Every structure is written in structure tokens, then in C-alpha cells.
Amino acid sequence: MRFCWSTLNVKNLEESIKFYTDVIGLEVVSKFNAGPGVEIAFLGKGETKIELICDDVSRDTVVGNDISWGFEVESLDKALVLVKEKDINVDSGPTQPNPHVRYFFIKDPNDMRIQLVENIT
């Protein structure tokens, strides 16, 4: 068995795509209409893939604080500068629970918690 992707229902597809391309660095792999008023976009390559679904009928999304998506970055300091330039609030952190990892949390446009992680070798 292999993990395929994680799905997030979004309020605004273009705003969400902009966040995941500009801040996280994922690429749009495909984008298509999936019926009346429903658009889907897949982003990412290799092992990291996400599916964003925007439905004109039910744009209310509920994302709890008990789930987050983690993305590895080369430099946590550079990631902090980027999110500040994009006027994105740091939700918590930076935290360094051990000598080998540092991270902080932000939220995407749908209130999904996003963890940016630097692995220190």
C-alpha cells in the first residue's frame, strides 16, 4: 500500500493554489472541472501530493486544529522571512524539540495548520 494524496475542501481554489505554490513551493499537476460548480486541482510531485476541491454549493470548510500538514524546508529562517513577506501570521513556534529538528506553524487560507520543518543534520 502507498499513500496517494491528502484532500482539502477549500473556499477559494485560486487563493489556495496561490498559497500552496507561492509559500509551500508545490506545483499544479492538474486542474479540472469535476461537474457543475466543482473544480479540483492536484499539486505536488513524487511522494507529496495534495488535492484541493472547491464546490460552489458548499464552500464552508471546517478544518480542526487536530490535523496539520508538514512540509520540509531547507532553511527555517528563510521560511520565516517568506511568510512575513507574504503577510502570513506564525501560528506557533519556532520550536526546536531536539537538536535535529526545528519547526513552526502557519495556517493556509482555509485555516488548515501547516508545519514548516527544518531537519538539521
PDB file of N, CA and C in Angstrom:
ATOM      1  N   MET A   1       0.843  -1.168   0.000  1.00  0.00           N
ATOM      2  CA  MET A   1       0.000   0.000   0.000  1.00  0.00           C
ATOM      3  C   MET A   1       0.892   1.235   0.000  1.00  0.00           C
ATOM      4  N   ARG A   2       0.438   2.268  -0.708  1.00  0.00           N
ATOM      5  CA  ARG A   2       1.189   3.508  -0.811  1.00  0.00           C
ATOM      6  C   ARG A   2       0.228   4.672  -0.670  1.00  0.00           C
ATOM      7  N   PHE A   3       0.609   5.690   0.096  1.00  0.00           N
ATOM      8  CA  PHE A   3      -0.205   6.885   0.272  1.00  0.00           C
ATOM      9  C   PHE A   3      -0.257   7.654  -1.042  1.00  0.00           C
ATOM     10  N   CYS A   4      -1.467   8.041  -1.471  1.00  0.00           N
ATOM     11  CA  CYS A   4      -1.627   8.742  -2.749  1.00  0.00           C
ATOM     12  C   CYS A   4      -1.620  10.254  -2.580  1.00  0.00           C
ATOM     13  N   TRP A   5      -2.555  10.777  -1.794  1.00  0.00           N
ATOM     14  CA  TRP A   5      -2.653  12.212  -1.578  1.00  0.00           C
ATOM     15  C   TRP A   5      -3.561  12.491  -0.397  1.00  0.00           C
ATOM     16  N   SER A   6      -3.575  13.738   0.006  1.00  0.00           N
ATOM     17  CA  SER A   6      -4.475  14.207   1.041  1.00  0.00           C
ATOM     18  C   SER A   6      -5.384  15.249   0.401  1.00  0.00           C
ATOM     19  N   THR A   7      -6.657  15.229   0.760  1.00  0.00           N
ATOM     20  CA  THR A   7      -7.652  16.107   0.147  1.00  0.00           C
ATOM     21  C   THR A   7      -8.088  17.181   1.129  1.00  0.00           C
ATOM     22  N   LEU A   8      -8.262  18.391   0.608  1.00  0.00           N
ATOM     23  CA  LEU A   8      -8.767  19.502   1.400  1.00  0.00           C
ATOM     24  C   LEU A   8      -9.847  20.215   0.602  1.00  0.00           C
ATOM     25  N   ASN A   9     -11.033  20.337   1.181  1.00  0.00           N
ATOM     26  CA  ASN A   9     -12.081  21.151   0.571  1.00  0.00           C
ATOM     27  C   ASN A   9     -11.757  22.606   0.880  1.00  0.00           C
ATOM     28  N   VAL A  10     -11.767  23.459  -0.152  1.00  0.00           N
ATOM     29  CA  VAL A  10     -11.324  24.843   0.001  1.00  0.00           C
ATOM     30  C   VAL A  10     -12.439  25.822  -0.340  1.00  0.00           C
ATOM     31  N   LYS A  11     -12.328  27.018   0.234  1.00  0.00           N
ATOM     32  CA  LYS A  11     -13.307  28.073  -0.001  1.00  0.00           C
ATOM     33  C   LYS A  11     -13.092  28.746  -1.352  1.00  0.00           C
ATOM     34  N   ASN A  12     -11.818  28.926  -1.728  1.00  0.00           N
ATOM     35  CA  ASN A  12     -11.460  29.633  -2.958  1.00  0.00           C
ATOM     36  C   ASN A  12     -10.276  28.909  -3.573  1.00  0.00           C
ATOM     37  N   LEU A  13     -10.489  28.262  -4.712  1.00  0.00           N
ATOM     38  CA  LEU A  13      -9.455  27.426  -5.312  1.00  0.00           C
ATOM     39  C   LEU A  13      -8.233  28.240  -5.707  1.00  0.00           C
ATOM     40  N   GLU A  14      -8.427  29.383  -6.346  1.00  0.00           N
ATOM     41  CA  GLU A  14      -7.287  30.178  -6.814  1.00  0.00           C
ATOM     42  C   GLU A  14      -6.450  30.702  -5.646  1.00  0.00           C
ATOM     43  N   GLU A  15      -7.099  31.147  -4.575  1.00  0.00           N
ATOM     44  CA  GLU A  15      -6.385  31.627  -3.397  1.00  0.00           C
ATOM     45  C   GLU A  15      -5.586  30.487  -2.755  1.00  0.00           C
ATOM     46  N   SER A  16      -6.173  29.314  -2.704  1.00  0.00           N
ATOM     47  CA  SER A  16      -5.483  28.155  -2.128  1.00  0.00           C
ATOM     48  C   SER A  16      -4.320  27.712  -3.007  1.00  0.00           C
ATOM     49  N   ILE A  17      -4.520  27.696  -4.315  1.00  0.00           N
ATOM     50  CA  ILE A  17      -3.423  27.342  -5.229  1.00  0.00           C
ATOM     51  C   ILE A  17      -2.270  28.327  -5.056  1.00  0.00           C
ATOM     52  N   LYS A  18      -2.580  29.611  -4.968  1.00  0.00           N
ATOM     53  CA  LYS A  18      -1.535  30.628  -4.788  1.00  0.00           C
ATOM     54  C   LYS A  18      -0.741  30.361  -3.512  1.00  0.00           C
ATOM     55  N   PHE A  19      -1.409  30.046  -2.414  1.00  0.00           N
ATOM     56  CA  PHE A  19      -0.725  29.749  -1.157  1.00  0.00           C
ATOM     57  C   PHE A  19       0.209  28.553  -1.322  1.00  0.00           C
ATOM     58  N   TYR A  20      -0.301  27.454  -1.861  1.00  0.00           N
ATOM     59  CA  TYR A  20       0.499  26.230  -1.937  1.00  0.00           C
ATOM     60  C   TYR A  20       1.603  26.290  -2.984  1.00  0.00           C
ATOM     61  N   THR A  21       1.466  27.156  -3.986  1.00  0.00           N
ATOM     62  CA  THR A  21       2.551  27.325  -4.958  1.00  0.00           C
ATOM     63  C   THR A  21       3.563  28.360  -4.475  1.00  0.00           C
ATOM     64  N   ASP A  22       3.093  29.522  -4.012  1.00  0.00           N
ATOM     65  CA  ASP A  22       3.990  30.619  -3.633  1.00  0.00           C
ATOM     66  C   ASP A  22       4.665  30.419  -2.284  1.00  0.00           C
ATOM     67  N   VAL A  23       3.968  29.859  -1.319  1.00  0.00           N
ATOM     68  CA  VAL A  23       4.523  29.718   0.029  1.00  0.00           C
ATOM     69  C   VAL A  23       5.160  28.342   0.229  1.00  0.00           C
ATOM     70  N   ILE A  24       4.451  27.294  -0.154  1.00  0.00           N
ATOM     71  CA  ILE A  24       4.934  25.929   0.076  1.00  0.00           C
ATOM     72  C   ILE A  24       5.845  25.449  -1.054  1.00  0.00           C
ATOM     73  N   GLY A  25       5.647  25.959  -2.263  1.00  0.00           N
ATOM     74  CA  GLY A  25       6.511  25.584  -3.383  1.00  0.00           C
ATOM     75  C   GLY A  25       6.036  24.382  -4.179  1.00  0.00           C
ATOM     76  N   LEU A  26       4.766  23.986  -3.994  1.00  0.00           N
ATOM     77  CA  LEU A  26       4.232  22.878  -4.783  1.00  0.00           C
ATOM     78  C   LEU A  26       3.854  23.378  -6.176  1.00  0.00           C
ATOM     79  N   GLU A  27       3.851  22.476  -7.125  1.00  0.00           N
ATOM     80  CA  GLU A  27       3.445  22.805  -8.488  1.00  0.00           C
ATOM     81  C   GLU A  27       2.066  22.217  -8.772  1.00  0.00           C
ATOM     82  N   VAL A  28       1.274  22.921  -9.587  1.00  0.00           N
ATOM     83  CA  VAL A  28      -0.016  22.392 -10.026  1.00  0.00           C
ATOM     84  C   VAL A  28       0.265  21.307 -11.055  1.00  0.00           C
ATOM     85  N   VAL A  29      -0.215  20.104 -10.764  1.00  0.00           N
ATOM     86  CA  VAL A  29      -0.036  18.969 -11.671  1.00  0.00           C
ATOM     87  C   VAL A  29      -1.213  18.891 -12.639  1.00  0.00           C
ATOM     88  N   SER A  30      -2.420  19.107 -12.111  1.00  0.00           N
ATOM     89  CA  SER A  30      -3.608  19.126 -12.964  1.00  0.00           C
ATOM     90  C   SER A  30      -4.696  19.946 -12.285  1.00  0.00           C
ATOM     91  N   LYS A  31      -5.581  20.462 -13.118  1.00  0.00           N
ATOM     92  CA  LYS A  31      -6.714  21.248 -12.631  1.00  0.00           C
ATOM     93  C   LYS A  31      -7.845  21.010 -13.623  1.00  0.00           C
ATOM     94  N   PHE A  32      -9.046  20.699 -13.086  1.00  0.00           N
ATOM     95  CA  PHE A  32     -10.138  20.364 -13.996  1.00  0.00           C
ATOM     96  C   PHE A  32     -11.480  20.576 -13.330  1.00  0.00           C
ATOM     97  N   ASN A  33     -12.520  20.696 -14.148  1.00  0.00           N
ATOM     98  CA  ASN A  33     -13.901  20.741 -13.672  1.00  0.00           C
ATOM     99  C   ASN A  33     -14.344  19.310 -13.421  1.00  0.00           C
ATOM    100  N   ALA A  34     -15.030  19.108 -12.301  1.00  0.00           N
ATOM    101  CA  ALA A  34     -15.473  17.765 -11.932  1.00  0.00           C
ATOM    102  C   ALA A  34     -16.989  17.719 -11.802  1.00  0.00           C
ATOM    103  N   GLY A  35     -17.666  18.505 -12.607  1.00  0.00           N
ATOM    104  CA  GLY A  35     -19.113  18.574 -12.550  1.00  0.00           C
ATOM    105  C   GLY A  35     -19.545  20.011 -12.378  1.00  0.00           C
ATOM    106  N   PRO A  36     -20.828  20.247 -12.370  1.00  0.00           N
ATOM    107  CA  PRO A  36     -21.327  21.617 -12.241  1.00  0.00           C
ATOM    108  C   PRO A  36     -20.870  22.270 -10.927  1.00  0.00           C
ATOM    109  N   GLY A  37     -20.109  23.350 -11.050  1.00  0.00           N
ATOM    110  CA  GLY A  37     -19.675  24.107  -9.890  1.00  0.00           C
ATOM    111  C   GLY A  37     -18.591  23.472  -9.044  1.00  0.00           C
ATOM    112  N   VAL A  38     -17.950  22.420  -9.539  1.00  0.00           N
ATOM    113  CA  VAL A  38     -16.903  21.745  -8.768  1.00  0.00           C
ATOM    114  C   VAL A  38     -15.601  21.763  -9.568  1.00  0.00           C
ATOM    115  N   GLU A  39     -14.554  22.306  -8.942  1.00  0.00           N
ATOM    116  CA  GLU A  39     -13.225  22.304  -9.539  1.00  0.00           C
ATOM    117  C   GLU A  39     -12.270  21.557  -8.622  1.00  0.00           C
ATOM    118  N   ILE A  40     -11.332  20.839  -9.234  1.00  0.00           N
ATOM    119  CA  ILE A  40     -10.332  20.083  -8.489  1.00  0.00           C
ATOM    120  C   ILE A  40      -8.956  20.443  -9.025  1.00  0.00           C
ATOM    121  N   ALA A  41      -8.005  20.575  -8.118  1.00  0.00           N
ATOM    122  CA  ALA A  41      -6.607  20.782  -8.506  1.00  0.00           C
ATOM    123  C   ALA A  41      -5.746  19.813  -7.710  1.00  0.00           C
ATOM    124  N   PHE A  42      -4.786  19.200  -8.396  1.00  0.00           N
ATOM    125  CA  PHE A  42      -3.782  18.365  -7.745  1.00  0.00           C
ATOM    126  C   PHE A  42      -2.465  19.119  -7.791  1.00  0.00           C
ATOM    127  N   LEU A  43      -1.771  19.142  -6.665  1.00  0.00           N
ATOM    128  CA  LEU A  43      -0.494  19.817  -6.567  1.00  0.00           C
ATOM    129  C   LEU A  43       0.546  18.872  -6.006  1.00  0.00           C
ATOM    130  N   GLY A  44       1.801  19.051  -6.425  1.00  0.00           N
ATOM    131  CA  GLY A  44       2.904  18.281  -5.866  1.00  0.00           C
ATOM    132  C   GLY A  44       3.492  17.302  -6.850  1.00  0.00           C
ATOM    133  N   LYS A  45       4.595  16.719  -6.425  1.00  0.00           N
ATOM    134  CA  LYS A  45       5.301  15.725  -7.216  1.00  0.00           C
ATOM    135  C   LYS A  45       5.790  14.624  -6.294  1.00  0.00           C
ATOM    136  N   GLY A  46       6.113  13.497  -6.852  1.00  0.00           N
ATOM    137  CA  GLY A  46       6.684  12.418  -6.054  1.00  0.00           C
ATOM    138  C   GLY A  46       5.754  11.994  -4.940  1.00  0.00           C
ATOM    139  N   GLU A  47       6.281  11.942  -3.731  1.00  0.00           N
ATOM    140  CA  GLU A  47       5.521  11.468  -2.580  1.00  0.00           C
ATOM    141  C   GLU A  47       4.591  12.519  -1.987  1.00  0.00           C
ATOM    142  N   THR A  48       4.769  13.786  -2.323  1.00  0.00           N
ATOM    143  CA  THR A  48       3.954  14.852  -1.738  1.00  0.00           C
ATOM    144  C   THR A  48       2.904  15.299  -2.733  1.00  0.00           C
ATOM    145  N   LYS A  49       1.664  14.911  -2.489  1.00  0.00           N
ATOM    146  CA  LYS A  49       0.567  15.317  -3.365  1.00  0.00           C
ATOM    147  C   LYS A  49      -0.619  15.733  -2.521  1.00  0.00           C
ATOM    148  N   ILE A  50      -1.245  16.845  -2.915  1.00  0.00           N
ATOM    149  CA  ILE A  50      -2.480  17.259  -2.264  1.00  0.00           C
ATOM    150  C   ILE A  50      -3.540  17.509  -3.328  1.00  0.00           C
ATOM    151  N   GLU A  51      -4.778  17.298  -2.942  1.00  0.00           N
ATOM    152  CA  GLU A  51      -5.929  17.532  -3.808  1.00  0.00           C
ATOM    153  C   GLU A  51      -6.756  18.638  -3.161  1.00  0.00           C
ATOM    154  N   LEU A  52      -7.025  19.689  -3.933  1.00  0.00           N
ATOM    155  CA  LEU A  52      -7.870  20.775  -3.468  1.00  0.00           C
ATOM    156  C   LEU A  52      -9.182  20.714  -4.224  1.00  0.00           C
ATOM    157  N   ILE A  53     -10.295  20.730  -3.502  1.00  0.00           N
ATOM    158  CA  ILE A  53     -11.619  20.659  -4.125  1.00  0.00           C
ATOM    159  C   ILE A  53     -12.401  21.906  -3.726  1.00  0.00           C
ATOM    160  N   CYS A  54     -12.952  22.583  -4.725  1.00  0.00           N
ATOM    161  CA  CYS A  54     -13.793  23.749  -4.481  1.00  0.00           C
ATOM    162  C   CYS A  54     -15.161  23.478  -5.097  1.00  0.00           C
ATOM    163  N   ASP A  55     -16.183  23.500  -4.246  1.00  0.00           N
ATOM    164  CA  ASP A  55     -17.555  23.234  -4.657  1.00  0.00           C
ATOM    165  C   ASP A  55     -18.369  24.499  -4.427  1.00  0.00           C
ATOM    166  N   ASP A  56     -18.923  25.069  -5.489  1.00  0.00           N
ATOM    167  CA  ASP A  56     -19.695  26.309  -5.375  1.00  0.00           C
ATOM    168  C   ASP A  56     -20.881  26.185  -4.426  1.00  0.00           C
ATOM    169  N   VAL A  57     -21.421  24.994  -4.288  1.00  0.00           N
ATOM    170  CA  VAL A  57     -22.591  24.790  -3.433  1.00  0.00           C
ATOM    171  C   VAL A  57     -22.211  24.797  -1.958  1.00  0.00           C
ATOM    172  N   SER A  58     -21.116  24.132  -1.611  1.00  0.00           N
ATOM    173  CA  SER A  58     -20.730  24.046  -0.199  1.00  0.00           C
ATOM    174  C   SER A  58     -19.303  24.553  -0.004  1.00  0.00           C
ATOM    175  N   ARG A  59     -19.154  25.862   0.051  1.00  0.00           N
ATOM    176  CA  ARG A  59     -17.825  26.462   0.235  1.00  0.00           C
ATOM    177  C   ARG A  59     -17.437  26.580   1.694  1.00  0.00           C
ATOM    178  N   ASP A  60     -18.340  26.219   2.609  1.00  0.00           N
ATOM    179  CA  ASP A  60     -17.991  26.260   4.020  1.00  0.00           C
ATOM    180  C   ASP A  60     -17.090  25.075   4.332  1.00  0.00           C
ATOM    181  N   THR A  61     -15.892  25.357   4.795  1.00  0.00           N
ATOM    182  CA  THR A  61     -14.961  24.296   5.155  1.00  0.00           C
ATOM    183  C   THR A  61     -14.757  24.313   6.661  1.00  0.00           C
ATOM    184  N   VAL A  62     -14.555  23.137   7.224  1.00  0.00           N
ATOM    185  CA  VAL A  62     -14.291  23.014   8.651  1.00  0.00           C
ATOM    186  C   VAL A  62     -13.008  22.200   8.798  1.00  0.00           C
ATOM    187  N   VAL A  63     -11.967  22.881   9.232  1.00  0.00           N
ATOM    188  CA  VAL A  63     -10.685  22.220   9.447  1.00  0.00           C
ATOM    189  C   VAL A  63     -10.341  22.390  10.912  1.00  0.00           C
ATOM    190  N   GLY A  64     -10.170  21.301  11.610  1.00  0.00           N
ATOM    191  CA  GLY A  64      -9.876  21.372  13.034  1.00  0.00           C
ATOM    192  C   GLY A  64      -8.392  21.548  13.312  1.00  0.00           C
ATOM    193  N   ASN A  65      -8.072  21.903  14.544  1.00  0.00           N
ATOM    194  CA  ASN A  65      -6.679  22.084  14.945  1.00  0.00           C
ATOM    195  C   ASN A  65      -5.968  20.771  15.240  1.00  0.00           C
ATOM    196  N   ASP A  66      -6.677  19.655  15.152  1.00  0.00           N
ATOM    197  CA  ASP A  66      -6.072  18.371  15.476  1.00  0.00           C
ATOM    198  C   ASP A  66      -5.360  17.722  14.296  1.00  0.00           C
ATOM    199  N   ILE A  67      -5.347  18.377  13.166  1.00  0.00           N
ATOM    200  CA  ILE A  67      -4.652  17.842  11.999  1.00  0.00           C
ATOM    201  C   ILE A  67      -3.801  18.949  11.397  1.00  0.00           C
ATOM    202  N   SER A  68      -2.659  18.556  10.857  1.00  0.00           N
ATOM    203  CA  SER A  68      -1.797  19.511  10.162  1.00  0.00           C
ATOM    204  C   SER A  68      -1.063  18.778   9.053  1.00  0.00           C
ATOM    205  N   TRP A  69      -0.569  19.561   8.113  1.00  0.00           N
ATOM    206  CA  TRP A  69       0.294  19.023   7.063  1.00  0.00           C
ATOM    207  C   TRP A  69       1.679  19.585   7.292  1.00  0.00           C
ATOM    208  N   GLY A  70       2.692  18.737   7.259  1.00  0.00           N
ATOM    209  CA  GLY A  70       4.071  19.171   7.441  1.00  0.00           C
ATOM    210  C   GLY A  70       4.823  19.174   6.127  1.00  0.00           C
ATOM    211  N   PHE A  71       5.579  20.241   5.907  1.00  0.00           N
ATOM    212  CA  PHE A  71       6.398  20.371   4.702  1.00  0.00           C
ATOM    213  C   PHE A  71       7.822  20.711   5.124  1.00  0.00           C
ATOM    214  N   GLU A  72       8.787  19.962   4.583  1.00  0.00           N
ATOM    215  CA  GLU A  72      10.186  20.200   4.909  1.00  0.00           C
ATOM    216  C   GLU A  72      10.712  21.379   4.106  1.00  0.00           C
ATOM    217  N   VAL A  73      11.459  22.248   4.779  1.00  0.00           N
ATOM    218  CA  VAL A  73      12.101  23.391   4.135  1.00  0.00           C
ATOM    219  C   VAL A  73      13.607  23.265   4.332  1.00  0.00           C
ATOM    220  N   GLU A  74      14.374  23.882   3.433  1.00  0.00           N
ATOM    221  CA  GLU A  74      15.830  23.849   3.566  1.00  0.00           C
ATOM    222  C   GLU A  74      16.299  24.711   4.726  1.00  0.00           C
ATOM    223  N   SER A  75      15.644  25.872   4.912  1.00  0.00           N
ATOM    224  CA  SER A  75      16.037  26.799   5.970  1.00  0.00           C
ATOM    225  C   SER A  75      14.792  27.361   6.646  1.00  0.00           C
ATOM    226  N   LEU A  76      14.677  27.125   7.945  1.00  0.00           N
ATOM    227  CA  LEU A  76      13.546  27.655   8.680  1.00  0.00           C
ATOM    228  C   LEU A  76      13.611  29.184   8.739  1.00  0.00           C
ATOM    229  N   ASP A  77      14.809  29.723   8.837  1.00  0.00           N
ATOM    230  CA  ASP A  77      14.963  31.177   8.875  1.00  0.00           C
ATOM    231  C   ASP A  77      14.464  31.816   7.580  1.00  0.00           C
ATOM    232  N   LYS A  78      14.794  31.223   6.437  1.00  0.00           N
ATOM    233  CA  LYS A  78      14.302  31.743   5.155  1.00  0.00           C
ATOM    234  C   LYS A  78      12.795  31.591   5.043  1.00  0.00           C
ATOM    235  N   ALA A  79      12.257  30.485   5.565  1.00  0.00           N
ATOM    236  CA  ALA A  79      10.805  30.278   5.547  1.00  0.00           C
ATOM    237  C   ALA A  79      10.097  31.326   6.396  1.00  0.00           C
ATOM    238  N   LEU A  80      10.685  31.689   7.534  1.00  0.00           N
ATOM    239  CA  LEU A  80      10.105  32.739   8.379  1.00  0.00           C
ATOM    240  C   LEU A  80      10.073  34.076   7.654  1.00  0.00           C
ATOM    241  N   VAL A  81      11.143  34.395   6.942  1.00  0.00           N
ATOM    242  CA  VAL A  81      11.187  35.640   6.162  1.00  0.00           C
ATOM    243  C   VAL A  81      10.110  35.620   5.084  1.00  0.00           C
ATOM    244  N   LEU A  82       9.974  34.490   4.386  1.00  0.00           N
ATOM    245  CA  LEU A  82       8.982  34.377   3.314  1.00  0.00           C
ATOM    246  C   LEU A  82       7.566  34.581   3.837  1.00  0.00           C
ATOM    247  N   VAL A  83       7.212  33.925   4.923  1.00  0.00           N
ATOM    248  CA  VAL A  83       5.837  34.063   5.420  1.00  0.00           C
ATOM    249  C   VAL A  83       5.562  35.476   5.914  1.00  0.00           C
ATOM    250  N   LYS A  84       6.573  36.127   6.468  1.00  0.00           N
ATOM    251  CA  LYS A  84       6.393  37.520   6.888  1.00  0.00           C
ATOM    252  C   LYS A  84       6.218  38.431   5.679  1.00  0.00           C
ATOM    253  N   GLU A  85       6.983  38.170   4.600  1.00  0.00           N
ATOM    254  CA  GLU A  85       6.829  38.944   3.359  1.00  0.00           C
ATOM    255  C   GLU A  85       5.441  38.765   2.767  1.00  0.00           C
ATOM    256  N   LYS A  86       4.867  37.577   2.918  1.00  0.00           N
ATOM    257  CA  LYS A  86       3.535  37.266   2.387  1.00  0.00           C
ATOM    258  C   LYS A  86       2.430  37.676   3.358  1.00  0.00           C
ATOM    259  N   ASP A  87       2.810  38.304   4.469  1.00  0.00           N
ATOM    260  CA  ASP A  87       1.872  38.777   5.491  1.00  0.00           C
ATOM    261  C   ASP A  87       1.047  37.625   6.087  1.00  0.00           C
ATOM    262  N   ILE A  88       1.727  36.506   6.331  1.00  0.00           N
ATOM    263  CA  ILE A  88       1.112  35.328   6.941  1.00  0.00           C
ATOM    264  C   ILE A  88       1.572  35.262   8.388  1.00  0.00           C
ATOM    265  N   ASN A  89       0.636  35.155   9.298  1.00  0.00           N
ATOM    266  CA  ASN A  89       0.965  35.081  10.722  1.00  0.00           C
ATOM    267  C   ASN A  89       1.523  33.717  11.086  1.00  0.00           C
ATOM    268  N   VAL A  90       2.530  33.718  11.950  1.00  0.00           N
ATOM    269  CA  VAL A  90       3.037  32.479  12.515  1.00  0.00           C
ATOM    270  C   VAL A  90       2.071  32.074  13.623  1.00  0.00           C
ATOM    271  N   ASP A  91       1.501  30.884  13.491  1.00  0.00           N
ATOM    272  CA  ASP A  91       0.505  30.393  14.440  1.00  0.00           C
ATOM    273  C   ASP A  91       1.153  29.931  15.741  1.00  0.00           C
ATOM    274  N   SER A  92       2.311  29.278  15.646  1.00  0.00           N
ATOM    275  CA  SER A  92       3.080  28.895  16.832  1.00  0.00           C
ATOM    276  C   SER A  92       4.508  28.566  16.417  1.00  0.00           C
ATOM    277  N   GLY A  93       5.420  28.737  17.373  1.00  0.00           N
ATOM    278  CA  GLY A  93       6.830  28.468  17.116  1.00  0.00           C
ATOM    279  C   GLY A  93       7.570  29.738  16.754  1.00  0.00           C
ATOM    280  N   PRO A  94       8.794  29.580  16.330  1.00  0.00           N
ATOM    281  CA  PRO A  94       9.537  28.349  16.076  1.00  0.00           C
ATOM    282  C   PRO A  94       9.823  27.563  17.360  1.00  0.00           C
ATOM    283  N   THR A  95       9.893  26.250  17.182  1.00  0.00           N
ATOM    284  CA  THR A  95      10.156  25.309  18.260  1.00  0.00           C
ATOM    285  C   THR A  95      11.274  24.384  17.820  1.00  0.00           C
ATOM    286  N   GLN A  96      12.146  24.027  18.750  1.00  0.00           N
ATOM    287  CA  GLN A  96      13.205  23.054  18.480  1.00  0.00           C
ATOM    288  C   GLN A  96      13.171  22.007  19.581  1.00  0.00           C
ATOM    289  N   PRO A  97      12.384  20.918  19.380  1.00  0.00           N
ATOM    290  CA  PRO A  97      12.215  19.917  20.436  1.00  0.00           C
ATOM    291  C   PRO A  97      13.447  19.048  20.676  1.00  0.00           C
ATOM    292  N   ASN A  98      14.362  19.029  19.706  1.00  0.00           N
ATOM    293  CA  ASN A  98      15.619  18.299  19.865  1.00  0.00           C
ATOM    294  C   ASN A  98      16.655  18.944  18.946  1.00  0.00           C
ATOM    295  N   PRO A  99      17.911  18.548  19.018  1.00  0.00           N
ATOM    296  CA  PRO A  99      18.944  19.213  18.204  1.00  0.00           C
ATOM    297  C   PRO A  99      18.824  18.972  16.694  1.00  0.00           C
ATOM    298  N   HIS A 100      17.913  18.102  16.274  1.00  0.00           N
ATOM    299  CA  HIS A 100      17.860  17.705  14.870  1.00  0.00           C
ATOM    300  C   HIS A 100      16.673  18.248  14.087  1.00  0.00           C
ATOM    301  N   VAL A 101      15.770  18.979  14.759  1.00  0.00           N
ATOM    302  CA  VAL A 101      14.589  19.465  14.045  1.00  0.00           C
ATOM    303  C   VAL A 101      14.117  20.798  14.638  1.00  0.00           C
ATOM    304  N   ARG A 102      13.705  21.702  13.739  1.00  0.00           N
ATOM    305  CA  ARG A 102      13.086  22.971  14.119  1.00  0.00           C
ATOM    306  C   ARG A 102      11.845  23.132  13.256  1.00  0.00           C
ATOM    307  N   TYR A 103      10.820  23.777  13.818  1.00  0.00           N
ATOM    308  CA  TYR A 103       9.602  23.971  13.029  1.00  0.00           C
ATOM    309  C   TYR A 103       8.773  25.114  13.578  1.00  0.00           C
ATOM    310  N   PHE A 104       7.828  25.568  12.723  1.00  0.00           N
ATOM    311  CA  PHE A 104       6.790  26.486  13.163  1.00  0.00           C
ATOM    312  C   PHE A 104       5.532  26.196  12.364  1.00  0.00           C
ATOM    313  N   PHE A 105       4.402  26.712  12.862  1.00  0.00           N
ATOM    314  CA  PHE A 105       3.106  26.503  12.223  1.00  0.00           C
ATOM    315  C   PHE A 105       2.551  27.821  11.690  1.00  0.00           C
ATOM    316  N   ILE A 106       1.904  27.723  10.531  1.00  0.00           N
ATOM    317  CA  ILE A 106       1.110  28.804   9.951  1.00  0.00           C
ATOM    318  C   ILE A 106      -0.236  28.196   9.578  1.00  0.00           C
ATOM    319  N   LYS A 107      -1.144  29.012   9.083  1.00  0.00           N
ATOM    320  CA  LYS A 107      -2.422  28.485   8.588  1.00  0.00           C
ATOM    321  C   LYS A 107      -2.606  28.888   7.139  1.00  0.00           C
ATOM    322  N   ASP A 108      -3.182  27.969   6.354  1.00  0.00           N
ATOM    323  CA  ASP A 108      -3.477  28.271   4.963  1.00  0.00           C
ATOM    324  C   ASP A 108      -4.771  29.093   4.899  1.00  0.00           C
ATOM    325  N   PRO A 109      -5.215  29.494   3.710  1.00  0.00           N
ATOM    326  CA  PRO A 109      -6.425  30.323   3.609  1.00  0.00           C
ATOM    327  C   PRO A 109      -7.702  29.657   4.135  1.00  0.00           C
ATOM    328  N   ASN A 110      -7.657  28.346   4.391  1.00  0.00           N
ATOM    329  CA  ASN A 110      -8.827  27.609   4.877  1.00  0.00           C
ATOM    330  C   ASN A 110      -8.696  27.227   6.343  1.00  0.00           C
ATOM    331  N   ASP A 111      -7.721  27.803   7.034  1.00  0.00           N
ATOM    332  CA  ASP A 111      -7.404  27.524   8.437  1.00  0.00           C
ATOM    333  C   ASP A 111      -6.775  26.156   8.668  1.00  0.00           C
ATOM    334  N   MET A 112      -6.245  25.537   7.631  1.00  0.00           N
ATOM    335  CA  MET A 112      -5.503  24.281   7.780  1.00  0.00           C
ATOM    336  C   MET A 112      -4.149  24.611   8.394  1.00  0.00           C
ATOM    337  N   ARG A 113      -3.770  23.896   9.469  1.00  0.00           N
ATOM    338  CA  ARG A 113      -2.468  24.115  10.093  1.00  0.00           C
ATOM    339  C   ARG A 113      -1.384  23.514   9.211  1.00  0.00           C
ATOM    340  N   ILE A 114      -0.383  24.331   8.906  1.00  0.00           N
ATOM    341  CA  ILE A 114       0.735  23.928   8.066  1.00  0.00           C
ATOM    342  C   ILE A 114       2.010  24.041   8.909  1.00  0.00           C
ATOM    343  N   GLN A 115       2.736  22.943   8.997  1.00  0.00           N
ATOM    344  CA  GLN A 115       4.000  22.920   9.753  1.00  0.00           C
ATOM    345  C   GLN A 115       5.151  22.992   8.765  1.00  0.00           C
ATOM    346  N   LEU A 116       6.006  23.979   8.937  1.00  0.00           N
ATOM    347  CA  LEU A 116       7.215  24.086   8.127  1.00  0.00           C
ATOM    348  C   LEU A 116       8.367  23.593   8.992  1.00  0.00           C
ATOM    349  N   VAL A 117       9.093  22.589   8.482  1.00  0.00           N
ATOM    350  CA  VAL A 117      10.068  21.833   9.281  1.00  0.00           C
ATOM    351  C   VAL A 117      11.442  21.887   8.630  1.00  0.00           C
ATOM    352  N   GLU A 118      12.440  22.184   9.451  1.00  0.00           N
ATOM    353  CA  GLU A 118      13.834  22.083   9.008  1.00  0.00           C
ATOM    354  C   GLU A 118      14.478  20.929   9.756  1.00  0.00           C
ATOM    355  N   ASN A 119      14.968  19.953   8.996  1.00  0.00           N
ATOM    356  CA  ASN A 119      15.738  18.854   9.584  1.00  0.00           C
ATOM    357  C   ASN A 119      17.187  19.273   9.624  1.00  0.00           C
ATOM    358  N   ILE A 120      17.790  19.220  10.801  1.00  0.00           N
ATOM    359  CA  ILE A 120      19.160  19.684  10.994  1.00  0.00           C
ATOM    360  C   ILE A 120      20.062  18.464  11.089  1.00  0.00           C
ATOM    361  N   THR A 121      21.061  18.433  10.239  1.00  0.00           N
ATOM    362  CA  THR A 121      21.977  17.284  10.240  1.00  0.00           C
ATOM    363  C   THR A 121      23.245  17.569  10.999  1.00  0.00           C
TER     364      THR A 121
END
